[in-house]
């Protein structure tokens, strides 16, 4: 796994119903502007505490990331970004990045 995405899942807990993620696959041509080329939505099935090391300065921190099913496999956002990003493309190819937006439940009905 490349350094920007070298993260470790420390723990996982189930997510309450209603949370979702929308992922945006973006391309940025050399010298151009970022453009969204694909968009997908997935329900959140769990939350993961993820330890990451900032590859630019070696600092460690933890964050909570949503876990969702991608191709039938539980995937957290760092893993998804690893699979679908190319931060150092070949000459003439666009840089590929992934944006993730978490959607909250609209509301709960309390019996």
PDB file of N, CA and C in Angstrom:
ATOM      1  N   UNK A   1       0.857  -1.169   0.000  1.00  0.00           N
ATOM      2  CA  UNK A   1       0.000   0.000   0.000  1.00  0.00           C
ATOM      3  C   UNK A   1       0.898   1.226   0.000  1.00  0.00           C
ATOM      4  N   UNK A   2       0.548   2.223  -0.792  1.00  0.00           N
ATOM      5  CA  UNK A   2       1.380   3.410  -0.857  1.00  0.00           C
ATOM      6  C   UNK A   2       1.247   4.230   0.422  1.00  0.00           C
ATOM      7  N   UNK A   3       2.261   5.023   0.714  1.00  0.00           N
ATOM      8  CA  UNK A   3       2.311   5.743   1.982  1.00  0.00           C
ATOM      9  C   UNK A   3       1.113   6.638   2.280  1.00  0.00           C
ATOM     10  N   UNK A   4       0.552   7.381   1.304  1.00  0.00           N
ATOM     11  CA  UNK A   4      -0.582   8.235   1.668  1.00  0.00           C
ATOM     12  C   UNK A   4      -1.783   7.470   2.202  1.00  0.00           C
ATOM     13  N   UNK A   5      -1.851   6.166   1.920  1.00  0.00           N
ATOM     14  CA  UNK A   5      -3.016   5.386   2.315  1.00  0.00           C
ATOM     15  C   UNK A   5      -2.670   4.291   3.315  1.00  0.00           C
ATOM     16  N   UNK A   6      -1.489   4.329   3.910  1.00  0.00           N
ATOM     17  CA  UNK A   6      -1.050   3.286   4.835  1.00  0.00           C
ATOM     18  C   UNK A   6      -1.696   3.497   6.199  1.00  0.00           C
ATOM     19  N   UNK A   7      -2.929   3.045   6.343  1.00  0.00           N
ATOM     20  CA  UNK A   7      -3.699   3.218   7.563  1.00  0.00           C
ATOM     21  C   UNK A   7      -4.037   1.868   8.158  1.00  0.00           C
ATOM     22  N   UNK A   8      -4.272   1.837   9.477  1.00  0.00           N
ATOM     23  CA  UNK A   8      -4.576   0.605  10.179  1.00  0.00           C
ATOM     24  C   UNK A   8      -5.898   0.759  10.915  1.00  0.00           C
ATOM     25  N   UNK A   9      -6.809  -0.204  10.721  1.00  0.00           N
ATOM     26  CA  UNK A   9      -8.083  -0.197  11.442  1.00  0.00           C
ATOM     27  C   UNK A   9      -7.829  -0.729  12.854  1.00  0.00           C
ATOM     28  N   UNK A  10      -8.191   0.086  13.855  1.00  0.00           N
ATOM     29  CA  UNK A  10      -7.993  -0.294  15.253  1.00  0.00           C
ATOM     30  C   UNK A  10      -9.224  -0.955  15.855  1.00  0.00           C
ATOM     31  N   UNK A  11     -10.423  -0.484  15.454  1.00  0.00           N
ATOM     32  CA  UNK A  11     -11.660  -1.085  15.961  1.00  0.00           C
ATOM     33  C   UNK A  11     -12.809  -0.727  15.027  1.00  0.00           C
ATOM     34  N   UNK A  12     -13.892  -1.505  15.143  1.00  0.00           N
ATOM     35  CA  UNK A  12     -15.070  -1.308  14.294  1.00  0.00           C
ATOM     36  C   UNK A  12     -16.306  -1.488  15.157  1.00  0.00           C
ATOM     37  N   UNK A  13     -17.329  -0.660  14.896  1.00  0.00           N
ATOM     38  CA  UNK A  13     -18.615  -0.817  15.569  1.00  0.00           C
ATOM     39  C   UNK A  13     -19.726  -0.626  14.544  1.00  0.00           C
ATOM     40  N   UNK A  14     -20.854  -1.288  14.754  1.00  0.00           N
ATOM     41  CA  UNK A  14     -21.979  -1.200  13.823  1.00  0.00           C
ATOM     42  C   UNK A  14     -22.517   0.227  13.754  1.00  0.00           C
ATOM     43  N   UNK A  15     -22.995   0.600  12.586  1.00  0.00           N
ATOM     44  CA  UNK A  15     -23.589   1.932  12.398  1.00  0.00           C
ATOM     45  C   UNK A  15     -25.099   1.846  12.545  1.00  0.00           C
ATOM     46  N   UNK A  16     -25.721   2.863  13.140  1.00  0.00           N
ATOM     47  CA  UNK A  16     -27.182   2.880  13.165  1.00  0.00           C
ATOM     48  C   UNK A  16     -27.699   3.092  11.742  1.00  0.00           C
ATOM     49  N   UNK A  17     -28.926   2.706  11.469  1.00  0.00           N
ATOM     50  CA  UNK A  17     -29.457   2.847  10.119  1.00  0.00           C
ATOM     51  C   UNK A  17     -29.569   4.308   9.692  1.00  0.00           C
ATOM     52  N   UNK A  18     -29.486   4.526   8.387  1.00  0.00           N
ATOM     53  CA  UNK A  18     -29.737   5.846   7.831  1.00  0.00           C
ATOM     54  C   UNK A  18     -28.527   6.628   7.385  1.00  0.00           C
ATOM     55  N   UNK A  19     -27.318   6.266   7.822  1.00  0.00           N
ATOM     56  CA  UNK A  19     -26.124   6.969   7.371  1.00  0.00           C
ATOM     57  C   UNK A  19     -25.725   6.454   5.983  1.00  0.00           C
ATOM     58  N   UNK A  20     -25.140   7.320   5.179  1.00  0.00           N
ATOM     59  CA  UNK A  20     -24.682   6.931   3.849  1.00  0.00           C
ATOM     60  C   UNK A  20     -23.425   7.727   3.499  1.00  0.00           C
ATOM     61  N   UNK A  21     -22.740   7.263   2.465  1.00  0.00           N
ATOM     62  CA  UNK A  21     -21.627   8.031   1.913  1.00  0.00           C
ATOM     63  C   UNK A  21     -21.874   8.214   0.426  1.00  0.00           C
ATOM     64  N   UNK A  22     -21.462   9.363  -0.069  1.00  0.00           N
ATOM     65  CA  UNK A  22     -21.429   9.615  -1.506  1.00  0.00           C
ATOM     66  C   UNK A  22     -19.969   9.821  -1.842  1.00  0.00           C
ATOM     67  N   UNK A  23     -19.477   9.027  -2.795  1.00  0.00           N
ATOM     68  CA  UNK A  23     -18.083   9.157  -3.204  1.00  0.00           C
ATOM     69  C   UNK A  23     -18.032   9.768  -4.596  1.00  0.00           C
ATOM     70  N   UNK A  24     -17.096  10.678  -4.768  1.00  0.00           N
ATOM     71  CA  UNK A  24     -16.881  11.355  -6.046  1.00  0.00           C
ATOM     72  C   UNK A  24     -15.505  10.970  -6.565  1.00  0.00           C
ATOM     73  N   UNK A  25     -15.462  10.373  -7.740  1.00  0.00           N
ATOM     74  CA  UNK A  25     -14.190  10.087  -8.399  1.00  0.00           C
ATOM     75  C   UNK A  25     -13.858  11.316  -9.249  1.00  0.00           C
ATOM     76  N   UNK A  26     -12.705  11.896  -8.985  1.00  0.00           N
ATOM     77  CA  UNK A  26     -12.321  13.141  -9.659  1.00  0.00           C
ATOM     78  C   UNK A  26     -11.053  12.931 -10.477  1.00  0.00           C
ATOM     79  N   UNK A  27     -10.946  13.677 -11.559  1.00  0.00           N
ATOM     80  CA  UNK A  27      -9.737  13.691 -12.373  1.00  0.00           C
ATOM     81  C   UNK A  27      -9.270  15.132 -12.515  1.00  0.00           C
ATOM     82  N   UNK A  28      -7.967  15.316 -12.449  1.00  0.00           N
ATOM     83  CA  UNK A  28      -7.367  16.636 -12.635  1.00  0.00           C
ATOM     84  C   UNK A  28      -6.264  16.499 -13.672  1.00  0.00           C
ATOM     85  N   UNK A  29      -6.501  17.005 -14.893  1.00  0.00           N
ATOM     86  CA  UNK A  29      -5.430  16.945 -15.886  1.00  0.00           C
ATOM     87  C   UNK A  29      -4.298  17.894 -15.496  1.00  0.00           C
ATOM     88  N   UNK A  30      -3.105  17.595 -15.958  1.00  0.00           N
ATOM     89  CA  UNK A  30      -1.958  18.442 -15.651  1.00  0.00           C
ATOM     90  C   UNK A  30      -2.258  19.882 -16.066  1.00  0.00           C
ATOM     91  N   UNK A  31      -2.163  20.796 -15.104  1.00  0.00           N
ATOM     92  CA  UNK A  31      -2.433  22.205 -15.364  1.00  0.00           C
ATOM     93  C   UNK A  31      -3.898  22.549 -15.506  1.00  0.00           C
ATOM     94  N   UNK A  32      -4.797  21.564 -15.265  1.00  0.00           N
ATOM     95  CA  UNK A  32      -6.226  21.809 -15.431  1.00  0.00           C
ATOM     96  C   UNK A  32      -6.965  21.882 -14.121  1.00  0.00           C
ATOM     97  N   UNK A  33      -8.285  21.880 -14.224  1.00  0.00           N
ATOM     98  CA  UNK A  33      -9.143  21.943 -13.047  1.00  0.00           C
ATOM     99  C   UNK A  33      -9.730  20.566 -12.753  1.00  0.00           C
ATOM    100  N   UNK A  34      -9.929  20.301 -11.476  1.00  0.00           N
ATOM    101  CA  UNK A  34     -10.526  19.035 -11.048  1.00  0.00           C
ATOM    102  C   UNK A  34     -11.948  18.924 -11.561  1.00  0.00           C
ATOM    103  N   UNK A  35     -12.319  17.709 -12.018  1.00  0.00           N
ATOM    104  CA  UNK A  35     -13.655  17.469 -12.542  1.00  0.00           C
ATOM    105  C   UNK A  35     -14.158  16.134 -11.995  1.00  0.00           C
ATOM    106  N   UNK A  36     -15.410  16.113 -11.511  1.00  0.00           N
ATOM    107  CA  UNK A  36     -16.016  14.877 -11.040  1.00  0.00           C
ATOM    108  C   UNK A  36     -16.411  14.051 -12.268  1.00  0.00           C
ATOM    109  N   UNK A  37     -15.900  12.807 -12.335  1.00  0.00           N
ATOM    110  CA  UNK A  37     -16.192  11.962 -13.499  1.00  0.00           C
ATOM    111  C   UNK A  37     -17.119  10.793 -13.155  1.00  0.00           C
ATOM    112  N   UNK A  38     -17.213  10.429 -11.870  1.00  0.00           N
ATOM    113  CA  UNK A  38     -18.121   9.371 -11.424  1.00  0.00           C
ATOM    114  C   UNK A  38     -18.606   9.712 -10.027  1.00  0.00           C
ATOM    115  N   UNK A  39     -19.805   9.224  -9.702  1.00  0.00           N
ATOM    116  CA  UNK A  39     -20.391   9.478  -8.388  1.00  0.00           C
ATOM    117  C   UNK A  39     -21.164   8.240  -7.970  1.00  0.00           C
ATOM    118  N   UNK A  40     -20.943   7.779  -6.723  1.00  0.00           N
ATOM    119  CA  UNK A  40     -21.627   6.598  -6.213  1.00  0.00           C
ATOM    120  C   UNK A  40     -22.102   6.864  -4.788  1.00  0.00           C
ATOM    121  N   UNK A  41     -23.190   6.184  -4.397  1.00  0.00           N
ATOM    122  CA  UNK A  41     -23.698   6.281  -3.030  1.00  0.00           C
ATOM    123  C   UNK A  41     -23.745   4.881  -2.423  1.00  0.00           C
ATOM    124  N   UNK A  42     -23.365   4.789  -1.149  1.00  0.00           N
ATOM    125  CA  UNK A  42     -23.359   3.518  -0.431  1.00  0.00           C
ATOM    126  C   UNK A  42     -23.921   3.738   0.971  1.00  0.00           C
ATOM    127  N   UNK A  43     -24.693   2.770   1.500  1.00  0.00           N
ATOM    128  CA  UNK A  43     -25.109   2.879   2.902  1.00  0.00           C
ATOM    129  C   UNK A  43     -23.935   2.554   3.822  1.00  0.00           C
ATOM    130  N   UNK A  44     -23.847   3.262   4.930  1.00  0.00           N
ATOM    131  CA  UNK A  44     -22.809   3.001   5.932  1.00  0.00           C
ATOM    132  C   UNK A  44     -23.275   1.840   6.792  1.00  0.00           C
ATOM    133  N   UNK A  45     -22.413   0.819   6.930  1.00  0.00           N
ATOM    134  CA  UNK A  45     -22.768  -0.355   7.735  1.00  0.00           C
ATOM    135  C   UNK A  45     -22.051  -0.366   9.082  1.00  0.00           C
ATOM    136  N   UNK A  46     -20.956   0.413   9.189  1.00  0.00           N
ATOM    137  CA  UNK A  46     -20.185   0.421  10.435  1.00  0.00           C
ATOM    138  C   UNK A  46     -19.321   1.683  10.467  1.00  0.00           C
ATOM    139  N   UNK A  47     -18.700   1.905  11.622  1.00  0.00           N
ATOM    140  CA  UNK A  47     -17.724   2.977  11.795  1.00  0.00           C
ATOM    141  C   UNK A  47     -16.422   2.342  12.254  1.00  0.00           C
ATOM    142  N   UNK A  48     -15.308   2.791  11.705  1.00  0.00           N
ATOM    143  CA  UNK A  48     -14.003   2.240  12.069  1.00  0.00           C
ATOM    144  C   UNK A  48     -13.120   3.339  12.650  1.00  0.00           C
ATOM    145  N   UNK A  49     -12.393   3.004  13.700  1.00  0.00           N
ATOM    146  CA  UNK A  49     -11.345   3.888  14.208  1.00  0.00           C
ATOM    147  C   UNK A  49     -10.083   3.495  13.452  1.00  0.00           C
ATOM    148  N   UNK A  50      -9.514   4.464  12.725  1.00  0.00           N
ATOM    149  CA  UNK A  50      -8.388   4.199  11.843  1.00  0.00           C
ATOM    150  C   UNK A  50      -7.185   5.022  12.289  1.00  0.00           C
ATOM    151  N   UNK A  51      -6.048   4.334  12.469  1.00  0.00           N
ATOM    152  CA  UNK A  51      -4.797   5.023  12.782  1.00  0.00           C
ATOM    153  C   UNK A  51      -4.104   5.330  11.468  1.00  0.00           C
ATOM    154  N   UNK A  52      -3.684   6.569  11.322  1.00  0.00           N
ATOM    155  CA  UNK A  52      -2.965   6.928  10.104  1.00  0.00           C
ATOM    156  C   UNK A  52      -1.661   7.605  10.467  1.00  0.00           C
ATOM    157  N   UNK A  53      -0.718   7.461   9.576  1.00  0.00           N
ATOM    158  CA  UNK A  53       0.550   8.151   9.710  1.00  0.00           C
ATOM    159  C   UNK A  53       0.633   9.145   8.563  1.00  0.00           C
ATOM    160  N   UNK A  54       0.800  10.402   8.886  1.00  0.00           N
ATOM    161  CA  UNK A  54       0.928  11.428   7.853  1.00  0.00           C
ATOM    162  C   UNK A  54       2.245  11.193   7.129  1.00  0.00           C
ATOM    163  N   UNK A  55       2.164  10.769   5.888  1.00  0.00           N
ATOM    164  CA  UNK A  55       3.361  10.385   5.141  1.00  0.00           C
ATOM    165  C   UNK A  55       4.291  11.561   4.872  1.00  0.00           C
ATOM    166  N   UNK A  56       3.801  12.790   4.991  1.00  0.00           N
ATOM    167  CA  UNK A  56       4.676  13.937   4.723  1.00  0.00           C
ATOM    168  C   UNK A  56       5.559  14.280   5.919  1.00  0.00           C
ATOM    169  N   UNK A  57       5.064  14.028   7.158  1.00  0.00           N
ATOM    170  CA  UNK A  57       5.883  14.384   8.324  1.00  0.00           C
ATOM    171  C   UNK A  57       5.972  13.283   9.385  1.00  0.00           C
ATOM    172  N   UNK A  58       5.370  12.131   9.130  1.00  0.00           N
ATOM    173  CA  UNK A  58       5.496  11.009  10.042  1.00  0.00           C
ATOM    174  C   UNK A  58       4.631  11.075  11.284  1.00  0.00           C
ATOM    175  N   UNK A  59       3.774  12.116  11.416  1.00  0.00           N
ATOM    176  CA  UNK A  59       2.888  12.226  12.584  1.00  0.00           C
ATOM    177  C   UNK A  59       1.788  11.174  12.520  1.00  0.00           C
ATOM    178  N   UNK A  60       1.430  10.619  13.660  1.00  0.00           N
ATOM    179  CA  UNK A  60       0.330   9.660  13.728  1.00  0.00           C
ATOM    180  C   UNK A  60      -0.885  10.302  14.371  1.00  0.00           C
ATOM    181  N   UNK A  61      -2.072   9.919  13.888  1.00  0.00           N
ATOM    182  CA  UNK A  61      -3.308  10.317  14.541  1.00  0.00           C
ATOM    183  C   UNK A  61      -4.355   9.267  14.240  1.00  0.00           C
ATOM    184  N   UNK A  62      -5.514   9.395  14.873  1.00  0.00           N
ATOM    185  CA  UNK A  62      -6.617   8.473  14.610  1.00  0.00           C
ATOM    186  C   UNK A  62      -7.815   9.282  14.154  1.00  0.00           C
ATOM    187  N   UNK A  63      -8.668   8.620  13.400  1.00  0.00           N
ATOM    188  CA  UNK A  63      -9.905   9.245  12.930  1.00  0.00           C
ATOM    189  C   UNK A  63     -10.976   8.177  12.828  1.00  0.00           C
ATOM    190  N   UNK A  64     -12.222   8.608  12.797  1.00  0.00           N
ATOM    191  CA  UNK A  64     -13.339   7.693  12.609  1.00  0.00           C
ATOM    192  C   UNK A  64     -13.740   7.778  11.138  1.00  0.00           C
ATOM    193  N   UNK A  65     -13.810   6.617  10.485  1.00  0.00           N
ATOM    194  CA  UNK A  65     -14.173   6.567   9.073  1.00  0.00           C
ATOM    195  C   UNK A  65     -15.396   5.671   8.884  1.00  0.00           C
ATOM    196  N   UNK A  66     -16.268   6.029   7.943  1.00  0.00           N
ATOM    197  CA  UNK A  66     -17.401   5.153   7.649  1.00  0.00           C
ATOM    198  C   UNK A  66     -16.928   3.892   6.928  1.00  0.00           C
ATOM    199  N   UNK A  67     -17.641   2.797   7.184  1.00  0.00           N
ATOM    200  CA  UNK A  67     -17.398   1.526   6.506  1.00  0.00           C
ATOM    201  C   UNK A  67     -18.649   1.229   5.686  1.00  0.00           C
ATOM    202  N   UNK A  68     -18.461   0.854   4.424  1.00  0.00           N
ATOM    203  CA  UNK A  68     -19.585   0.561   3.534  1.00  0.00           C
ATOM    204  C   UNK A  68     -19.211  -0.635   2.663  1.00  0.00           C
ATOM    205  N   UNK A  69     -20.224  -1.239   2.037  1.00  0.00           N
ATOM    206  CA  UNK A  69     -19.961  -2.382   1.172  1.00  0.00           C
ATOM    207  C   UNK A  69     -19.607  -1.900  -0.224  1.00  0.00           C
ATOM    208  N   UNK A  70     -18.464  -2.359  -0.719  1.00  0.00           N
ATOM    209  CA  UNK A  70     -18.028  -2.068  -2.089  1.00  0.00           C
ATOM    210  C   UNK A  70     -17.663  -3.397  -2.725  1.00  0.00           C
ATOM    211  N   UNK A  71     -18.373  -3.763  -3.768  1.00  0.00           N
ATOM    212  CA  UNK A  71     -18.187  -5.069  -4.422  1.00  0.00           C
ATOM    213  C   UNK A  71     -18.323  -6.215  -3.421  1.00  0.00           C
ATOM    214  N   UNK A  72     -19.280  -6.077  -2.495  1.00  0.00           N
ATOM    215  CA  UNK A  72     -19.567  -7.128  -1.530  1.00  0.00           C
ATOM    216  C   UNK A  72     -18.583  -7.241  -0.387  1.00  0.00           C
ATOM    217  N   UNK A  73     -17.688  -6.275  -0.248  1.00  0.00           N
ATOM    218  CA  UNK A  73     -16.651  -6.329   0.785  1.00  0.00           C
ATOM    219  C   UNK A  73     -16.712  -5.070   1.648  1.00  0.00           C
ATOM    220  N   UNK A  74     -16.652  -5.194   2.981  1.00  0.00           N
ATOM    221  CA  UNK A  74     -16.605  -3.994   3.820  1.00  0.00           C
ATOM    222  C   UNK A  74     -15.349  -3.183   3.505  1.00  0.00           C
ATOM    223  N   UNK A  75     -15.550  -1.898   3.283  1.00  0.00           N
ATOM    224  CA  UNK A  75     -14.451  -1.015   2.872  1.00  0.00           C
ATOM    225  C   UNK A  75     -14.563   0.293   3.637  1.00  0.00           C
ATOM    226  N   UNK A  76     -13.463   0.764   4.225  1.00  0.00           N
ATOM    227  CA  UNK A  76     -13.483   2.084   4.860  1.00  0.00           C
ATOM    228  C   UNK A  76     -12.922   3.104   3.856  1.00  0.00           C
ATOM    229  N   UNK A  77     -13.118   4.376   4.132  1.00  0.00           N
ATOM    230  CA  UNK A  77     -12.808   5.400   3.130  1.00  0.00           C
ATOM    231  C   UNK A  77     -11.336   5.427   2.724  1.00  0.00           C
ATOM    232  N   UNK A  78     -10.411   5.205   3.654  1.00  0.00           N
ATOM    233  CA  UNK A  78      -8.990   5.199   3.276  1.00  0.00           C
ATOM    234  C   UNK A  78      -8.691   4.074   2.296  1.00  0.00           C
ATOM    235  N   UNK A  79      -9.290   2.900   2.529  1.00  0.00           N
ATOM    236  CA  UNK A  79      -9.095   1.765   1.640  1.00  0.00           C
ATOM    237  C   UNK A  79      -9.690   2.056   0.260  1.00  0.00           C
ATOM    238  N   UNK A  80     -10.878   2.653   0.240  1.00  0.00           N
ATOM    239  CA  UNK A  80     -11.534   2.995  -1.032  1.00  0.00           C
ATOM    240  C   UNK A  80     -10.682   4.002  -1.813  1.00  0.00           C
ATOM    241  N   UNK A  81     -10.164   4.995  -1.106  1.00  0.00           N
ATOM    242  CA  UNK A  81      -9.301   5.975  -1.780  1.00  0.00           C
ATOM    243  C   UNK A  81      -8.057   5.303  -2.357  1.00  0.00           C
ATOM    244  N   UNK A  82      -7.483   4.366  -1.621  1.00  0.00           N
ATOM    245  CA  UNK A  82      -6.318   3.630  -2.106  1.00  0.00           C
ATOM    246  C   UNK A  82      -6.643   2.909  -3.422  1.00  0.00           C
ATOM    247  N   UNK A  83      -7.818   2.259  -3.469  1.00  0.00           N
ATOM    248  CA  UNK A  83      -8.196   1.492  -4.654  1.00  0.00           C
ATOM    249  C   UNK A  83      -8.467   2.365  -5.875  1.00  0.00           C
ATOM    250  N   UNK A  84      -8.936   3.601  -5.663  1.00  0.00           N
ATOM    251  CA  UNK A  84      -9.423   4.402  -6.788  1.00  0.00           C
ATOM    252  C   UNK A  84      -8.664   5.703  -7.032  1.00  0.00           C
ATOM    253  N   UNK A  85      -7.551   5.916  -6.361  1.00  0.00           N
ATOM    254  CA  UNK A  85      -6.781   7.148  -6.542  1.00  0.00           C
ATOM    255  C   UNK A  85      -5.466   6.861  -7.254  1.00  0.00           C
ATOM    256  N   UNK A  86      -4.984   7.855  -7.955  1.00  0.00           N
ATOM    257  CA  UNK A  86      -3.642   7.817  -8.548  1.00  0.00           C
ATOM    258  C   UNK A  86      -3.083   9.222  -8.388  1.00  0.00           C
ATOM    259  N   UNK A  87      -2.288   9.411  -7.329  1.00  0.00           N
ATOM    260  CA  UNK A  87      -1.771  10.737  -7.006  1.00  0.00           C
ATOM    261  C   UNK A  87      -0.536  11.103  -7.817  1.00  0.00           C
ATOM    262  N   UNK A  88       0.115  10.103  -8.380  1.00  0.00           N
ATOM    263  CA  UNK A  88       1.316  10.353  -9.200  1.00  0.00           C
ATOM    264  C   UNK A  88       1.161   9.639 -10.543  1.00  0.00           C
ATOM    265  N   UNK A  89       0.328  10.173 -11.422  1.00  0.00           N
ATOM    266  CA  UNK A  89       0.067   9.501 -12.700  1.00  0.00           C
ATOM    267  C   UNK A  89       1.245   9.609 -13.667  1.00  0.00           C
ATOM    268  N   UNK A  90       1.202   8.768 -14.673  1.00  0.00           N
ATOM    269  CA  UNK A  90       2.183   8.836 -15.756  1.00  0.00           C
ATOM    270  C   UNK A  90       2.014  10.160 -16.489  1.00  0.00           C
ATOM    271  N   UNK A  91       3.064  10.651 -17.132  1.00  0.00           N
ATOM    272  CA  UNK A  91       2.940  11.907 -17.897  1.00  0.00           C
ATOM    273  C   UNK A  91       1.789  11.831 -18.901  1.00  0.00           C
ATOM    274  N   UNK A  92       1.002  12.905 -18.930  1.00  0.00           N
ATOM    275  CA  UNK A  92      -0.146  12.983 -19.830  1.00  0.00           C
ATOM    276  C   UNK A  92      -1.421  12.402 -19.271  1.00  0.00           C
ATOM    277  N   UNK A  93      -1.341  11.653 -18.150  1.00  0.00           N
ATOM    278  CA  UNK A  93      -2.520  11.086 -17.511  1.00  0.00           C
ATOM    279  C   UNK A  93      -2.996  12.011 -16.402  1.00  0.00           C
ATOM    280  N   UNK A  94      -4.318  12.058 -16.143  1.00  0.00           N
ATOM    281  CA  UNK A  94      -4.810  12.927 -15.064  1.00  0.00           C
ATOM    282  C   UNK A  94      -4.561  12.319 -13.686  1.00  0.00           C
ATOM    283  N   UNK A  95      -4.430  13.191 -12.694  1.00  0.00           N
ATOM    284  CA  UNK A  95      -4.385  12.744 -11.293  1.00  0.00           C
ATOM    285  C   UNK A  95      -5.800  12.318 -10.929  1.00  0.00           C
ATOM    286  N   UNK A  96      -5.939  11.182 -10.238  1.00  0.00           N
ATOM    287  CA  UNK A  96      -7.253  10.685  -9.831  1.00  0.00           C
ATOM    288  C   UNK A  96      -7.337  10.709  -8.311  1.00  0.00           C
ATOM    289  N   UNK A  97      -8.401  11.333  -7.825  1.00  0.00           N
ATOM    290  CA  UNK A  97      -8.631  11.417  -6.391  1.00  0.00           C
ATOM    291  C   UNK A  97     -10.081  11.047  -6.099  1.00  0.00           C
ATOM    292  N   UNK A  98     -10.376  10.820  -4.815  1.00  0.00           N
ATOM    293  CA  UNK A  98     -11.724  10.458  -4.384  1.00  0.00           C
ATOM    294  C   UNK A  98     -12.145  11.387  -3.259  1.00  0.00           C
ATOM    295  N   UNK A  99     -13.320  11.964  -3.386  1.00  0.00           N
ATOM    296  CA  UNK A  99     -13.919  12.753  -2.319  1.00  0.00           C
ATOM    297  C   UNK A  99     -15.036  11.948  -1.683  1.00  0.00           C
ATOM    298  N   UNK A 100     -15.191  12.066  -0.374  1.00  0.00           N
ATOM    299  CA  UNK A 100     -16.213  11.313   0.351  1.00  0.00           C
ATOM    300  C   UNK A 100     -17.031  12.286   1.194  1.00  0.00           C
ATOM    301  N   UNK A 101     -18.352  12.196   1.054  1.00  0.00           N
ATOM    302  CA  UNK A 101     -19.265  13.016   1.846  1.00  0.00           C
ATOM    303  C   UNK A 101     -20.177  12.073   2.618  1.00  0.00           C
ATOM    304  N   UNK A 102     -20.245  12.251   3.938  1.00  0.00           N
ATOM    305  CA  UNK A 102     -21.105  11.414   4.778  1.00  0.00           C
ATOM    306  C   UNK A 102     -22.460  12.092   4.917  1.00  0.00           C
ATOM    307  N   UNK A 103     -23.512  11.332   4.639  1.00  0.00           N
ATOM    308  CA  UNK A 103     -24.873  11.828   4.794  1.00  0.00           C
ATOM    309  C   UNK A 103     -25.491  11.288   6.073  1.00  0.00           C
ATOM    310  N   UNK A 104     -26.097  12.177   6.842  1.00  0.00           N
ATOM    311  CA  UNK A 104     -26.728  11.781   8.092  1.00  0.00           C
ATOM    312  C   UNK A 104     -28.164  11.360   7.863  1.00  0.00           C
ATOM    313  N   UNK A 105     -28.699  10.552   8.772  1.00  0.00           N
ATOM    314  CA  UNK A 105     -30.114  10.170   8.649  1.00  0.00           C
ATOM    315  C   UNK A 105     -31.004  11.414   8.678  1.00  0.00           C
ATOM    316  N   UNK A 106     -32.099  11.346   7.958  1.00  0.00           N
ATOM    317  CA  UNK A 106     -33.024  12.484   7.925  1.00  0.00           C
ATOM    318  C   UNK A 106     -33.720  12.642   9.263  1.00  0.00           C
ATOM    319  N   UNK A 107     -34.064  11.548   9.894  1.00  0.00           N
ATOM    320  CA  UNK A 107     -34.709  11.622  11.200  1.00  0.00           C
ATOM    321  C   UNK A 107     -35.101  10.244  11.684  1.00  0.00           C
ATOM    322  N   UNK A 108     -35.322  10.140  12.939  1.00  0.00           N
ATOM    323  CA  UNK A 108     -35.746   8.885  13.527  1.00  0.00           C
ATOM    324  C   UNK A 108     -37.166   9.049  14.067  1.00  0.00           C
ATOM    325  N   UNK A 109     -37.921   7.985  13.968  1.00  0.00           N
ATOM    326  CA  UNK A 109     -39.250   7.971  14.567  1.00  0.00           C
ATOM    327  C   UNK A 109     -39.134   7.244  15.897  1.00  0.00           C
ATOM    328  N   UNK A 110     -39.481   7.919  16.967  1.00  0.00           N
ATOM    329  CA  UNK A 110     -39.390   7.310  18.295  1.00  0.00           C
ATOM    330  C   UNK A 110     -40.774   6.780  18.648  1.00  0.00           C
ATOM    331  N   UNK A 111     -40.863   5.462  18.916  1.00  0.00           N
ATOM    332  CA  UNK A 111     -42.177   4.888  19.226  1.00  0.00           C
ATOM    333  C   UNK A 111     -42.734   5.382  20.532  1.00  0.00           C
TER     334      UNK A 111
END
